[in-house]
Protein backbone atom coordinates (compact mmCIF):
# COMPACT_ATOMS: atom_id res chain seq x y z
CA MET A 1 0.00 0.00 0.00
CA ARG A 2 2.73 2.44 1.02
CA ARG A 3 4.71 1.66 -2.13
CA SER A 4 1.75 2.39 -4.37
CA VAL A 5 1.15 5.68 -2.55
CA ARG A 6 4.76 6.70 -3.08
CA MET A 7 4.65 5.70 -6.74
CA HIS A 8 1.44 7.66 -7.25
CA ALA A 9 2.99 10.71 -5.58
CA ALA A 10 6.02 10.47 -7.83
CA MET A 11 3.91 10.12 -10.96
CA SER A 12 1.74 13.08 -9.96
CA ASN A 13 4.78 15.32 -9.53
CA LEU A 14 5.50 16.89 -12.89
CA TYR A 15 9.17 17.43 -12.02
CA ALA A 16 9.81 13.84 -10.93
CA ARG A 17 8.92 12.26 -14.25
CA ASP A 18 11.86 10.99 -16.29
CA LEU A 19 14.22 13.49 -14.63
CA ASP A 20 16.70 11.17 -12.97
CA ARG A 21 20.22 11.51 -11.67
CA ASN A 22 22.95 10.61 -14.13
CA PRO A 23 26.68 11.33 -14.52
CA ALA A 24 25.89 14.47 -16.50
CA ASN A 25 23.86 16.16 -13.77
CA HIS A 26 24.98 14.66 -10.47
CA ALA A 27 28.30 13.89 -8.75
CA PRO A 28 29.07 13.03 -5.13
CA LEU A 29 30.43 15.99 -3.20
CA THR A 30 34.05 15.55 -2.12
CA PRO A 31 36.96 17.90 -1.31
CA LEU A 32 39.12 15.85 -3.69
CA SER A 33 37.46 17.72 -6.56
CA LEU A 34 38.72 20.99 -5.09
CA LEU A 35 42.33 19.92 -5.52
CA ALA A 36 41.76 18.69 -9.07
CA ARG A 37 40.21 22.00 -10.11
CA THR A 38 42.88 24.18 -8.55
CA ALA A 39 45.67 22.09 -10.07
CA ASP A 40 43.98 22.52 -13.46
CA VAL A 41 43.34 26.27 -13.17
CA TRP A 42 46.38 27.43 -11.14
CA PRO A 43 49.01 24.68 -11.59
CA ASP A 44 51.94 27.06 -11.06
CA HIS A 45 50.61 28.89 -8.00
CA PRO A 46 52.48 28.07 -4.75
CA SER A 47 50.64 25.40 -2.77
CA VAL A 48 52.97 24.49 0.11
CA ILE A 49 56.00 26.17 1.69
CA HIS A 50 58.04 24.37 4.32
CA GLY A 51 61.58 25.44 5.11
CA GLY A 52 63.52 25.10 1.85
CA ARG A 53 60.80 23.07 0.18
CA ARG A 54 58.38 24.70 -2.27
CA TYR A 55 55.57 23.06 -4.21
CA THR A 56 53.02 24.32 -6.72
CA TRP A 57 49.44 23.10 -6.93
CA GLY A 58 50.32 21.09 -10.02
CA GLU A 59 53.14 19.38 -8.11
CA THR A 60 50.99 18.79 -5.02
CA TYR A 61 48.30 17.18 -7.15
CA GLU A 62 50.88 14.84 -8.70
CA ARG A 63 52.31 13.92 -5.30
CA CYS A 64 48.83 13.19 -3.93
CA ARG A 65 48.07 10.96 -6.91
CA ARG A 66 51.39 9.17 -6.43
CA LEU A 67 50.46 8.53 -2.80
CA ALA A 68 47.04 7.18 -3.75
CA SER A 69 48.54 4.98 -6.44
CA ALA A 70 51.25 3.59 -4.17
CA LEU A 71 48.68 2.80 -1.46
CA ALA A 72 46.45 1.06 -4.01
CA LYS A 73 49.41 -1.04 -5.19
CA HIS A 74 49.78 -2.24 -1.60
CA GLY A 75 46.15 -3.35 -1.52
CA ILE A 76 44.74 -0.33 0.29
CA GLY A 77 41.24 0.55 -0.84
CA ALA A 78 37.67 1.37 0.13
CA GLY A 79 37.09 1.43 3.87
CA ASP A 80 40.71 0.78 4.87
CA THR A 81 42.23 3.03 7.51
CA VAL A 82 45.51 4.85 6.92
CA ALA A 83 46.86 6.39 10.14
CA VAL A 84 49.34 9.24 10.07
CA MET A 85 51.42 10.62 12.91
CA LEU A 86 52.79 13.79 11.44
CA SER A 87 53.52 17.40 12.22
CA ASN A 88 52.23 20.25 10.04
CA THR A 89 54.35 19.32 7.02
CA PRO A 90 53.76 18.88 3.27
CA GLU A 91 53.25 15.15 3.83
CA MET A 92 50.31 15.89 6.12
CA VAL A 93 48.71 18.14 3.50
CA GLU A 94 49.17 15.41 0.88
CA ALA A 95 47.67 12.73 3.11
CA HIS A 96 44.38 14.65 3.24
CA PHE A 97 43.99 14.05 -0.50
CA GLY A 98 46.10 11.03 -1.38
CA VAL A 99 44.57 8.71 1.21
CA PRO A 100 40.90 9.26 0.23
CA MET A 101 41.83 9.26 -3.47
CA CYS A 102 42.30 5.49 -3.23
CA GLY A 103 39.07 5.12 -1.25
CA ALA A 104 40.76 4.80 2.14
CA VAL A 105 39.97 6.71 5.36
CA LEU A 106 42.51 9.09 6.90
CA ASN A 107 43.13 8.82 10.65
CA THR A 108 45.30 11.72 11.88
CA LEU A 109 46.85 10.86 15.24
CA ASN A 110 47.53 13.35 18.01
CA THR A 111 51.33 13.54 18.19
CA ARG A 112 51.31 14.30 21.92
CA LEU A 113 49.48 11.20 23.07
CA ASP A 114 51.15 8.36 24.94
CA ALA A 115 51.82 4.95 23.41
CA GLU A 116 48.86 3.29 25.12
CA ALA A 117 46.34 5.78 23.69
CA LEU A 118 47.91 5.54 20.23
CA ALA A 119 47.86 1.74 20.36
CA PHE A 120 44.16 1.83 21.18
CA MET A 121 43.47 4.09 18.17
CA LEU A 122 45.54 1.99 15.78
CA GLY A 123 43.70 -1.12 16.92
CA HIS A 124 40.23 0.35 17.15
CA GLY A 125 40.54 1.96 13.72
CA GLU A 126 42.14 -1.21 12.29
CA ALA A 127 44.89 0.78 10.60
CA LYS A 128 46.42 -0.99 7.59
CA VAL A 129 49.12 1.68 7.19
CA LEU A 130 50.96 4.02 9.55
CA VAL A 131 52.84 7.02 8.15
CA THR A 132 55.00 8.46 10.93
CA ASP A 133 57.52 11.28 11.30
CA THR A 134 60.92 10.26 12.66
CA GLU A 135 60.46 12.76 15.51
CA PHE A 136 57.80 10.48 16.97
CA ALA A 137 59.68 7.21 16.47
CA PRO A 138 60.05 6.37 20.19
CA VAL A 139 56.34 6.59 21.05
CA ALA A 140 55.24 5.17 17.68
CA ARG A 141 57.50 2.13 18.20
CA LYS A 142 55.94 1.46 21.60
CA ALA A 143 52.43 1.87 20.21
CA LEU A 144 53.10 -0.58 17.40
CA GLU A 145 54.46 -3.12 19.89
CA MET A 146 51.27 -2.80 21.96
CA THR A 147 48.81 -3.51 19.14
CA PRO A 148 48.22 -6.81 17.34
CA MET A 149 47.64 -4.92 14.08
CA LYS A 150 50.34 -5.56 11.50
CA SER A 151 50.51 -2.30 9.61
CA LEU A 152 52.66 -1.15 6.73
CA VAL A 153 54.88 1.52 8.28
CA ILE A 154 56.20 4.43 6.21
CA ASP A 155 58.77 6.85 7.64
CA VAL A 156 58.79 10.59 7.01
CA ALA A 157 62.23 12.15 7.48
CA ASP A 158 61.54 15.89 7.46
CA PRO A 159 64.77 17.92 7.12
CA GLU A 160 63.16 20.59 9.33
CA GLY A 161 62.57 18.08 12.14
CA PRO A 162 64.70 16.04 14.54
CA ASN A 163 66.04 12.53 13.90
CA ALA A 164 65.78 12.92 10.13
CA ASP A 165 69.21 11.32 9.63
CA ASP A 166 69.02 8.84 12.52
CA PRO A 167 68.70 5.23 11.27
CA ALA A 168 67.34 4.23 14.70
CA ALA A 169 64.32 6.47 14.09
CA ARG A 170 63.28 4.46 11.04
CA LEU A 171 60.47 2.08 11.94
CA GLY A 172 59.20 1.05 8.52
CA SER A 173 60.29 -0.83 5.46
CA THR A 174 60.38 2.31 3.33
CA ASP A 175 60.42 6.07 3.60
CA TYR A 176 57.81 8.42 2.25
CA GLU A 177 59.67 9.75 -0.79
CA ALA A 178 60.64 6.25 -1.90
CA PHE A 179 57.04 5.15 -1.42
CA LEU A 180 55.80 8.04 -3.57
CA ALA A 181 58.34 7.20 -6.27
CA GLY A 182 56.54 3.91 -6.77
CA GLY A 183 53.24 5.67 -7.44
CA ASP A 184 51.75 6.95 -10.67
CA PRO A 185 51.54 10.79 -10.92
CA ALA A 186 48.64 10.35 -13.38
CA TYR A 187 46.76 7.87 -11.17
CA ALA A 188 43.11 7.82 -12.24
CA TRP A 189 41.45 8.28 -8.89
CA LYS A 190 37.68 8.11 -8.71
CA LEU A 191 34.99 10.05 -6.91
CA PRO A 192 33.58 8.24 -3.89
CA ALA A 193 30.73 5.88 -4.75
CA ASP A 194 28.64 7.86 -2.27
CA GLU A 195 29.36 11.26 -0.74
CA TRP A 196 28.25 9.70 2.57
CA ASP A 197 31.34 7.45 2.43
CA ALA A 198 33.84 8.05 5.23
CA ILE A 199 36.78 10.33 4.45
CA SER A 200 38.44 10.60 7.86
CA LEU A 201 38.50 9.31 11.42
CA ASN A 202 39.24 11.66 14.33
CA TYR A 203 39.45 10.57 17.95
CA THR A 204 38.09 12.71 20.77
CA SER A 205 40.42 13.58 23.62
CA GLY A 206 38.82 11.03 25.95
CA THR A 207 39.46 12.47 29.41
CA THR A 208 37.77 9.43 30.95
CA GLY A 209 37.81 5.99 29.38
CA ASN A 210 38.78 5.31 25.78
CA PRO A 211 38.38 8.10 23.23
CA LYS A 212 35.56 7.89 20.70
CA GLY A 213 36.25 7.66 16.97
CA VAL A 214 34.43 10.42 15.12
CA VAL A 215 33.73 9.61 11.46
CA TYR A 216 33.53 12.36 8.80
CA HIS A 217 32.05 11.92 5.32
CA HIS A 218 33.10 13.42 1.98
CA ARG A 219 30.02 15.65 1.79
CA GLY A 220 30.59 17.26 5.18
CA ALA A 221 34.31 17.71 4.53
CA LEU A 222 33.66 19.66 1.34
CA LEU A 223 30.82 21.73 2.81
CA ASN A 224 32.83 22.76 5.86
CA ALA A 225 35.88 23.51 3.74
CA VAL A 226 33.81 25.89 1.62
CA SER A 227 32.03 27.37 4.64
CA ASN A 228 35.43 28.30 6.07
CA ILE A 229 36.01 30.50 3.02
CA VAL A 230 32.54 32.04 3.01
CA ASP A 231 32.23 32.69 6.74
CA TRP A 232 35.76 34.08 7.06
CA ALA A 233 35.46 36.02 3.79
CA MET A 234 38.79 34.64 2.60
CA PRO A 235 40.06 36.24 -0.62
CA ARG A 236 41.35 34.00 -3.42
CA HIS A 237 45.02 32.98 -3.01
CA SER A 238 45.12 33.61 0.75
CA VAL A 239 48.34 32.64 2.55
CA TYR A 240 47.56 30.38 5.49
CA LEU A 241 49.97 29.66 8.36
CA TRP A 242 49.59 26.22 9.93
CA THR A 243 49.57 27.04 13.65
CA LEU A 244 46.57 24.76 14.23
CA PRO A 245 47.55 21.06 14.27
CA MET A 246 46.31 19.26 11.18
CA PHE A 247 45.64 16.25 13.38
CA HIS A 248 42.92 18.23 15.18
CA CYS A 249 39.60 17.87 13.30
CA ASN A 250 41.65 17.65 10.07
CA GLY A 251 42.92 21.13 10.86
CA TRP A 252 39.29 22.36 11.00
CA CYS A 253 39.09 21.19 7.36
CA PHE A 254 41.55 23.89 6.27
CA ALA A 255 43.76 21.46 4.32
CA TRP A 256 40.76 21.10 2.00
CA THR A 257 39.83 24.79 2.34
CA MET A 258 43.19 25.94 1.00
CA ALA A 259 42.79 23.75 -2.07
CA ALA A 260 39.40 25.36 -2.75
CA ASN A 261 40.94 28.79 -2.14
CA ALA A 262 43.93 28.09 -4.40
CA GLY A 263 45.97 29.60 -1.60
CA THR A 264 49.33 28.81 -0.07
CA ASN A 265 49.95 26.58 2.94
CA VAL A 266 52.87 27.78 5.09
CA CYS A 267 53.88 24.87 7.31
CA LEU A 268 55.14 25.24 10.86
CA ARG A 269 56.31 22.32 12.99
CA ARG A 270 56.19 24.15 16.30
CA VAL A 271 53.94 26.94 17.50
CA GLU A 272 56.24 29.60 18.95
CA ALA A 273 55.58 33.32 18.91
CA LYS A 274 58.78 34.39 17.16
CA ALA A 275 58.55 31.64 14.54
CA MET A 276 54.94 32.59 13.85
CA LEU A 277 55.66 36.31 13.52
CA ASP A 278 58.75 35.68 11.37
CA ALA A 279 56.68 33.50 9.02
CA ILE A 280 53.88 36.08 8.89
CA ARG A 281 56.37 38.77 7.92
CA LYS A 282 58.43 36.69 5.46
CA HIS A 283 55.56 35.04 3.58
CA ARG A 284 53.00 37.81 4.12
CA VAL A 285 50.65 35.38 5.82
CA THR A 286 47.06 36.56 5.70
CA HIS A 287 45.26 33.93 7.80
CA TYR A 288 45.90 31.55 10.70
CA CYS A 289 43.87 29.71 13.36
CA GLY A 290 44.36 28.73 16.97
CA ALA A 291 43.13 28.36 20.52
CA PRO A 292 43.19 31.47 22.77
CA ILE A 293 46.67 30.61 24.08
CA VAL A 294 48.10 30.86 20.54
CA HIS A 295 46.76 34.38 20.07
CA SER A 296 47.87 35.34 23.58
CA MET A 297 51.42 34.37 22.65
CA LEU A 298 51.36 36.99 19.90
CA ILE A 299 49.78 39.64 22.11
CA HIS A 300 52.47 39.26 24.77
CA ALA A 301 55.41 38.86 22.37
CA PRO A 302 57.97 41.68 22.39
CA ALA A 303 56.82 44.53 20.17
CA GLU A 304 60.01 44.36 18.08
CA TRP A 305 59.06 40.82 16.96
CA ARG A 306 55.99 42.30 15.25
CA GLN A 307 57.88 45.08 13.48
CA GLY A 308 57.65 44.97 9.70
CA ILE A 309 54.23 43.31 9.64
CA ASP A 310 52.36 45.98 7.73
CA HIS A 311 49.61 43.97 6.07
CA LYS A 312 46.24 42.73 7.31
CA VAL A 313 46.43 39.49 9.30
CA SER A 314 43.24 37.62 10.17
CA GLY A 315 42.96 35.04 12.91
CA LEU A 316 40.28 32.54 13.84
CA VAL A 317 39.90 31.72 17.52
CA ALA A 318 37.88 28.81 18.85
CA ALA A 319 37.13 28.01 22.45
CA ALA A 320 34.07 27.56 24.60
CA ALA A 321 34.40 31.28 25.28
CA PRO A 322 37.54 33.24 24.37
CA PRO A 323 38.63 35.61 27.14
CA ALA A 324 37.55 39.19 26.50
CA ALA A 325 41.05 40.43 27.34
CA MET A 326 42.47 38.29 24.55
CA ILE A 327 39.99 39.65 21.98
CA GLU A 328 40.82 43.21 23.03
CA GLY A 329 44.54 42.45 22.92
CA MET A 330 44.38 41.19 19.34
CA GLU A 331 42.57 44.33 18.26
CA ARG A 332 45.19 46.51 19.91
CA ILE A 333 48.07 44.85 17.99
CA GLY A 334 46.15 45.28 14.75
CA PHE A 335 45.13 41.67 14.04
CA ASP A 336 41.57 41.01 12.89
CA LEU A 337 40.03 38.25 15.00
CA THR A 338 36.91 36.20 14.30
CA HIS A 339 35.40 33.79 16.80
CA VAL A 340 34.18 30.38 15.67
CA TYR A 341 32.81 27.49 17.67
CA GLY A 342 32.43 23.79 17.16
CA LEU A 343 33.53 20.33 18.27
CA THR A 344 35.31 17.33 16.82
CA GLU A 345 31.84 16.00 16.00
CA THR A 346 31.08 19.05 13.82
CA TYR A 347 34.22 18.97 11.66
CA GLY A 348 35.73 21.69 13.86
CA PRO A 349 34.01 25.08 13.51
CA ALA A 350 30.31 24.89 12.63
CA SER A 351 29.29 28.33 13.89
CA VAL A 352 30.72 31.83 13.60
CA CYS A 353 30.23 35.12 15.37
CA ALA A 354 29.22 36.83 12.14
CA LYS A 355 30.17 40.49 12.40
CA HIS A 356 27.86 43.42 11.65
CA ALA A 357 29.13 46.71 10.24
CA ALA A 358 27.30 48.60 12.99
CA TRP A 359 29.52 47.00 15.62
CA SER A 360 32.55 48.93 14.39
CA GLY A 361 31.04 52.10 15.85
CA LEU A 362 30.88 50.67 19.36
CA ASP A 363 33.55 51.16 22.00
CA ILE A 364 36.11 48.38 22.38
CA GLY A 365 34.33 46.83 25.37
CA ALA A 366 31.01 46.55 23.52
CA ARG A 367 32.73 45.24 20.39
CA THR A 368 34.51 42.63 22.48
CA GLU A 369 31.22 41.50 24.01
CA ARG A 370 29.63 41.13 20.54
CA ASN A 371 32.65 39.38 19.02
CA GLY A 372 33.12 36.97 21.92
CA ARG A 373 29.87 35.10 21.31
CA GLN A 374 29.57 31.69 19.69
CA GLY A 375 27.25 33.26 17.16
CA VAL A 376 25.21 31.62 14.44
CA ARG A 377 25.43 28.49 12.31
CA TYR A 378 27.96 28.20 9.51
CA THR A 379 26.61 28.98 6.04
CA LEU A 380 26.36 25.31 5.05
CA GLU A 381 25.25 23.92 8.42
CA GLU A 382 21.51 23.36 8.53
CA GLY A 383 20.73 24.21 12.14
CA MET A 384 22.17 25.46 15.42
CA THR A 385 20.11 26.41 18.43
CA VAL A 386 19.88 26.20 22.21
CA MET A 387 17.34 23.73 23.60
CA ASP A 388 16.11 22.23 26.79
CA PRO A 389 17.74 18.77 26.45
CA VAL A 390 14.80 17.05 28.16
CA THR A 391 11.85 18.59 26.32
CA MET A 392 13.85 19.33 23.13
CA THR A 393 12.22 22.75 22.85
CA PRO A 394 14.19 25.91 21.98
CA VAL A 395 14.84 28.35 24.83
CA PRO A 396 13.47 31.90 24.43
CA ARG A 397 15.73 34.63 23.04
CA ASP A 398 16.03 36.35 26.38
CA GLY A 399 19.76 36.00 27.08
CA GLU A 400 18.95 34.33 30.41
CA THR A 401 17.27 30.94 29.95
CA MET A 402 19.95 28.27 29.78
CA GLY A 403 19.87 25.25 27.53
CA GLU A 404 22.22 23.02 25.55
CA ILE A 405 23.75 24.00 22.20
CA MET A 406 22.63 21.61 19.47
CA PHE A 407 23.50 21.18 15.81
CA ARG A 408 21.99 19.39 12.87
CA GLY A 409 22.85 19.16 9.20
CA ASN A 410 25.62 18.17 6.83
CA ILE A 411 28.46 19.52 8.97
CA THR A 412 27.83 16.92 11.64
CA MET A 413 29.65 13.60 11.96
CA LYS A 414 28.36 10.29 10.60
CA GLY A 415 28.67 8.97 14.14
CA TYR A 416 31.10 7.21 16.46
CA LEU A 417 33.00 4.24 15.04
CA LYS A 418 31.91 0.90 16.58
CA ASN A 419 29.86 2.72 19.24
CA SER A 420 26.19 2.74 18.29
CA LYS A 421 25.11 3.49 21.87
CA ALA A 422 27.14 6.70 22.05
CA THR A 423 25.99 7.67 18.55
CA ALA A 424 22.33 7.25 19.49
CA GLU A 425 22.81 9.32 22.65
CA ALA A 426 24.60 12.09 20.75
CA PHE A 427 21.78 12.30 18.16
CA ALA A 428 18.83 11.92 20.54
CA GLY A 429 15.80 13.86 19.31
CA GLY A 430 17.25 14.45 15.86
CA TRP A 431 19.91 16.92 16.98
CA PHE A 432 23.58 16.58 17.94
CA HIS A 433 24.00 17.36 21.66
CA SER A 434 27.14 19.41 22.27
CA GLY A 435 27.20 19.30 26.07
CA ASP A 436 27.75 23.08 26.16
CA LEU A 437 25.30 25.22 28.14
CA ALA A 438 24.30 28.53 26.60
CA VAL A 439 21.63 31.17 26.14
CA LEU A 440 20.06 32.67 23.03
CA GLN A 441 20.41 36.43 22.94
CA PRO A 442 17.69 38.68 21.46
CA ASP A 443 19.47 38.84 18.08
CA GLY A 444 19.57 35.04 17.87
CA TYR A 445 23.29 34.76 18.64
CA VAL A 446 24.37 31.93 20.92
CA LYS A 447 26.38 32.76 24.04
CA ILE A 448 27.99 29.92 25.98
CA LYS A 449 27.70 30.01 29.73
CA ASP A 450 29.67 26.85 30.47
CA ARG A 451 30.28 23.21 29.72
CA SER A 452 27.63 21.19 31.55
CA LYS A 453 30.39 19.42 33.47
CA ASP A 454 32.12 22.72 34.35
CA VAL A 455 29.20 24.49 36.03
CA ILE A 456 29.93 24.95 39.74
CA ILE A 457 26.92 24.47 42.01
CA SER A 458 27.57 26.26 45.28
CA GLY A 459 24.84 26.31 47.91
CA GLY A 460 22.25 25.71 45.20
CA GLU A 461 23.55 28.59 43.05
CA ASN A 462 24.99 27.93 39.60
CA ILE A 463 28.35 29.58 38.98
CA SER A 464 29.73 29.81 35.45
CA SER A 465 33.43 29.01 35.52
CA LEU A 466 33.78 31.02 32.31
CA GLU A 467 32.41 34.16 33.96
CA VAL A 468 34.95 33.92 36.76
CA GLU A 469 37.77 33.17 34.33
CA ASP A 470 36.88 36.19 32.23
CA VAL A 471 37.31 38.43 35.26
CA LEU A 472 40.67 36.83 36.11
CA TYR A 473 41.91 37.35 32.54
CA ARG A 474 41.28 41.08 32.93
CA HIS A 475 43.94 41.35 35.61
CA PRO A 476 47.11 42.69 33.94
CA ALA A 477 49.35 40.01 35.49
CA VAL A 478 47.29 37.02 34.30
CA LEU A 479 48.28 35.12 31.17
CA ALA A 480 45.88 32.19 31.56
CA ALA A 481 43.27 31.13 34.08
CA ALA A 482 41.03 28.15 34.75
CA VAL A 483 38.34 27.78 37.40
CA VAL A 484 36.96 24.43 38.56
CA ALA A 485 34.75 23.12 41.34
CA GLN A 486 36.37 22.23 44.64
CA PRO A 487 34.41 20.03 47.07
CA ASP A 488 33.21 21.96 50.09
CA PRO A 489 31.55 20.43 53.21
CA ARG A 490 29.21 23.39 53.66
CA TRP A 491 28.41 24.63 50.17
CA GLY A 492 28.86 21.40 48.22
CA GLU A 493 31.22 23.09 45.77
CA THR A 494 33.14 26.34 45.63
CA PRO A 495 35.28 27.84 42.84
CA ARG A 496 39.05 27.26 42.86
CA ALA A 497 41.24 29.24 40.47
CA PHE A 498 44.41 28.06 38.76
CA VAL A 499 46.42 30.96 37.36
CA GLU A 500 49.39 31.22 35.00
CA LEU A 501 51.12 34.60 35.14
CA LYS A 502 52.69 36.59 32.35
CA PRO A 503 56.50 36.40 32.26
CA GLY A 504 57.98 38.88 34.74
CA SER A 505 54.63 39.60 36.42
CA THR A 506 53.70 39.03 40.04
CA VAL A 507 50.42 39.07 41.94
CA THR A 508 49.26 37.63 45.24
CA ALA A 509 46.17 35.59 46.01
CA ASP A 510 44.86 38.48 48.12
CA GLU A 511 45.27 40.89 45.22
CA LEU A 512 43.44 38.57 42.85
CA ASN A 513 40.75 38.08 45.44
CA ALA A 514 40.22 41.85 45.70
CA HIS A 515 40.13 42.07 41.89
CA CYS A 516 37.44 39.37 41.69
CA ARG A 517 35.36 40.90 44.50
CA ALA A 518 35.25 44.15 42.57
CA HIS A 519 33.62 42.44 39.60
CA LEU A 520 31.73 39.39 40.92
CA ALA A 521 29.06 38.49 43.45
CA SER A 522 30.73 37.24 46.63
CA PHE A 523 29.62 33.62 46.18
CA LYS A 524 31.32 33.52 42.76
CA VAL A 525 34.72 34.66 44.05
CA PRO A 526 37.27 31.78 44.13
CA LYS A 527 37.93 30.37 47.60
CA GLY A 528 41.47 29.42 46.67
CA TYR A 529 44.19 30.22 44.14
CA GLU A 530 47.09 28.19 42.77
CA PHE A 531 49.84 29.65 40.60
CA GLY A 532 51.86 27.87 37.92
CA GLU A 533 51.81 26.71 34.31
CA LEU A 534 48.42 25.28 33.36
CA PRO A 535 48.20 21.79 31.83
CA LYS A 536 47.18 22.05 28.17
CA THR A 537 46.32 19.74 25.32
CA SER A 538 48.31 19.74 22.10
CA THR A 539 45.80 22.21 20.65
CA GLY A 540 46.22 24.66 23.53
CA LYS A 541 43.06 23.82 25.46
CA ILE A 542 43.39 23.83 29.24
CA GLN A 543 42.92 20.35 30.72
CA LYS A 544 40.34 21.02 33.39
CA PHE A 545 40.03 17.35 34.32
CA VAL A 546 43.61 17.51 35.62
CA LEU A 547 42.79 20.63 37.64
CA ARG A 548 39.65 19.04 39.11
CA GLU A 549 41.81 16.30 40.59
CA LYS A 550 44.15 18.93 42.03
CA ALA A 551 41.16 20.75 43.52
CA LYS A 552 39.93 17.53 45.14
CA SER A 553 43.38 16.95 46.65
CA ALA A 554 43.50 20.54 47.91
CA ALA A 555 40.08 20.12 49.52
CA ALA A 556 41.18 16.94 51.27
CA ILE A 557 44.20 18.75 52.76
CA GLU A 558 42.30 21.88 53.76
């Protein structure tokens, strides 16, 4: 009965009759097409710069096809996982195209993880190949010993990195350049059979238990790559500095973005303020991305390091809520900052604080408030809102009613690899649940209040750790700050602050306490302060789970 109804509906629709998909009018969306087009239109334009190495888009396309061909010759094909443990180097750019060109799935590994975590990922993802930089040979060797998977191992000896000439750092049967030499530069790669096919596998940080494997598809990868250009208003042939690790959400899809942009990738193995500023000056870098700590490094760098940078530099910052002091600081040194927000599960950024011309007439404090919001959905994301996670109804646009940020659309993961339970929970009610608590402001912009796990409940009152941190960041001696809940016998929980000071600066706990009392209700003021370098992930995010354990230990002593 249902079939006949559907057939009747199709026959009654004038535009459904004899107008079918065919190779002439339909092709699966994939970022691989972006590289092919740019290599055809701008073959001689610089594609990648790394130390003394220079490639054009024509050369990069050939190298990617060689990689795909060589992998195919070794039996790698549809649905096979190719893991890479690489820094931001040309080989990492090439892997983003060469691996999926043969139908395989790219798994970029976090280079700062321990051997046990890496072994889990190699095993869970069933990696058939591991491409690894000689710098990471010690941990990669241990990881390989800990997994039963027998992978083809390919060594990358980057002249700009350590151990490039050390035979003991070679783990595989071949090195990358020799492997490429066996590939065909005219390899006839094919579009994916379905744009829903997996293109990459990214593991979450996994602060408790094993990390989850987030699967991206070709369609989402292309759409987010293009949205990056549209929502950042990137001009053609932009020059992009790789300060963001390409292993993190595939570098927020910017490896694919730069192919669409026909721009230039400037590689950087280590994120250091002087190296960044030197590269910006030398190559006239126009765009870069990073966590708040990356931008703070530039703000607090000696002024002479920035001398000679006389062109517009645009930065993307992503965090649950970037500190207002950091946004103001970037404006004062003349860098144009845009705030984006997203998660591993949304291909990196899936929302942007889209700027309005009228904001430029506001004072710096008001501009900072506007530009520090998580904003609105990316151009090619279907939906982003704040909902009550129980009733699944949107909260009012009153700037006060809290709910959970949720996404839906093409820039959302396929799901978690081999974890249907977690996938179902993440997509409950037809939306992806971010776990971030926020409000909707009257103009429809989203403003995060906290991670659900970071809200401090003190005497029945909810305290946003982000609100307290924002006040701490405004103290001139503070470089970085994190606030977590500390168990308290009377109040249940109270805020405890962990503070990293700027080089050469000093401040006491009493002084910080007075600063906080001047800007916060008394119950929100931290009940304790600890000074020292904050633990951070490889992408610059502060590891609050480490600080929570410290707070518990402090509470037990006190």
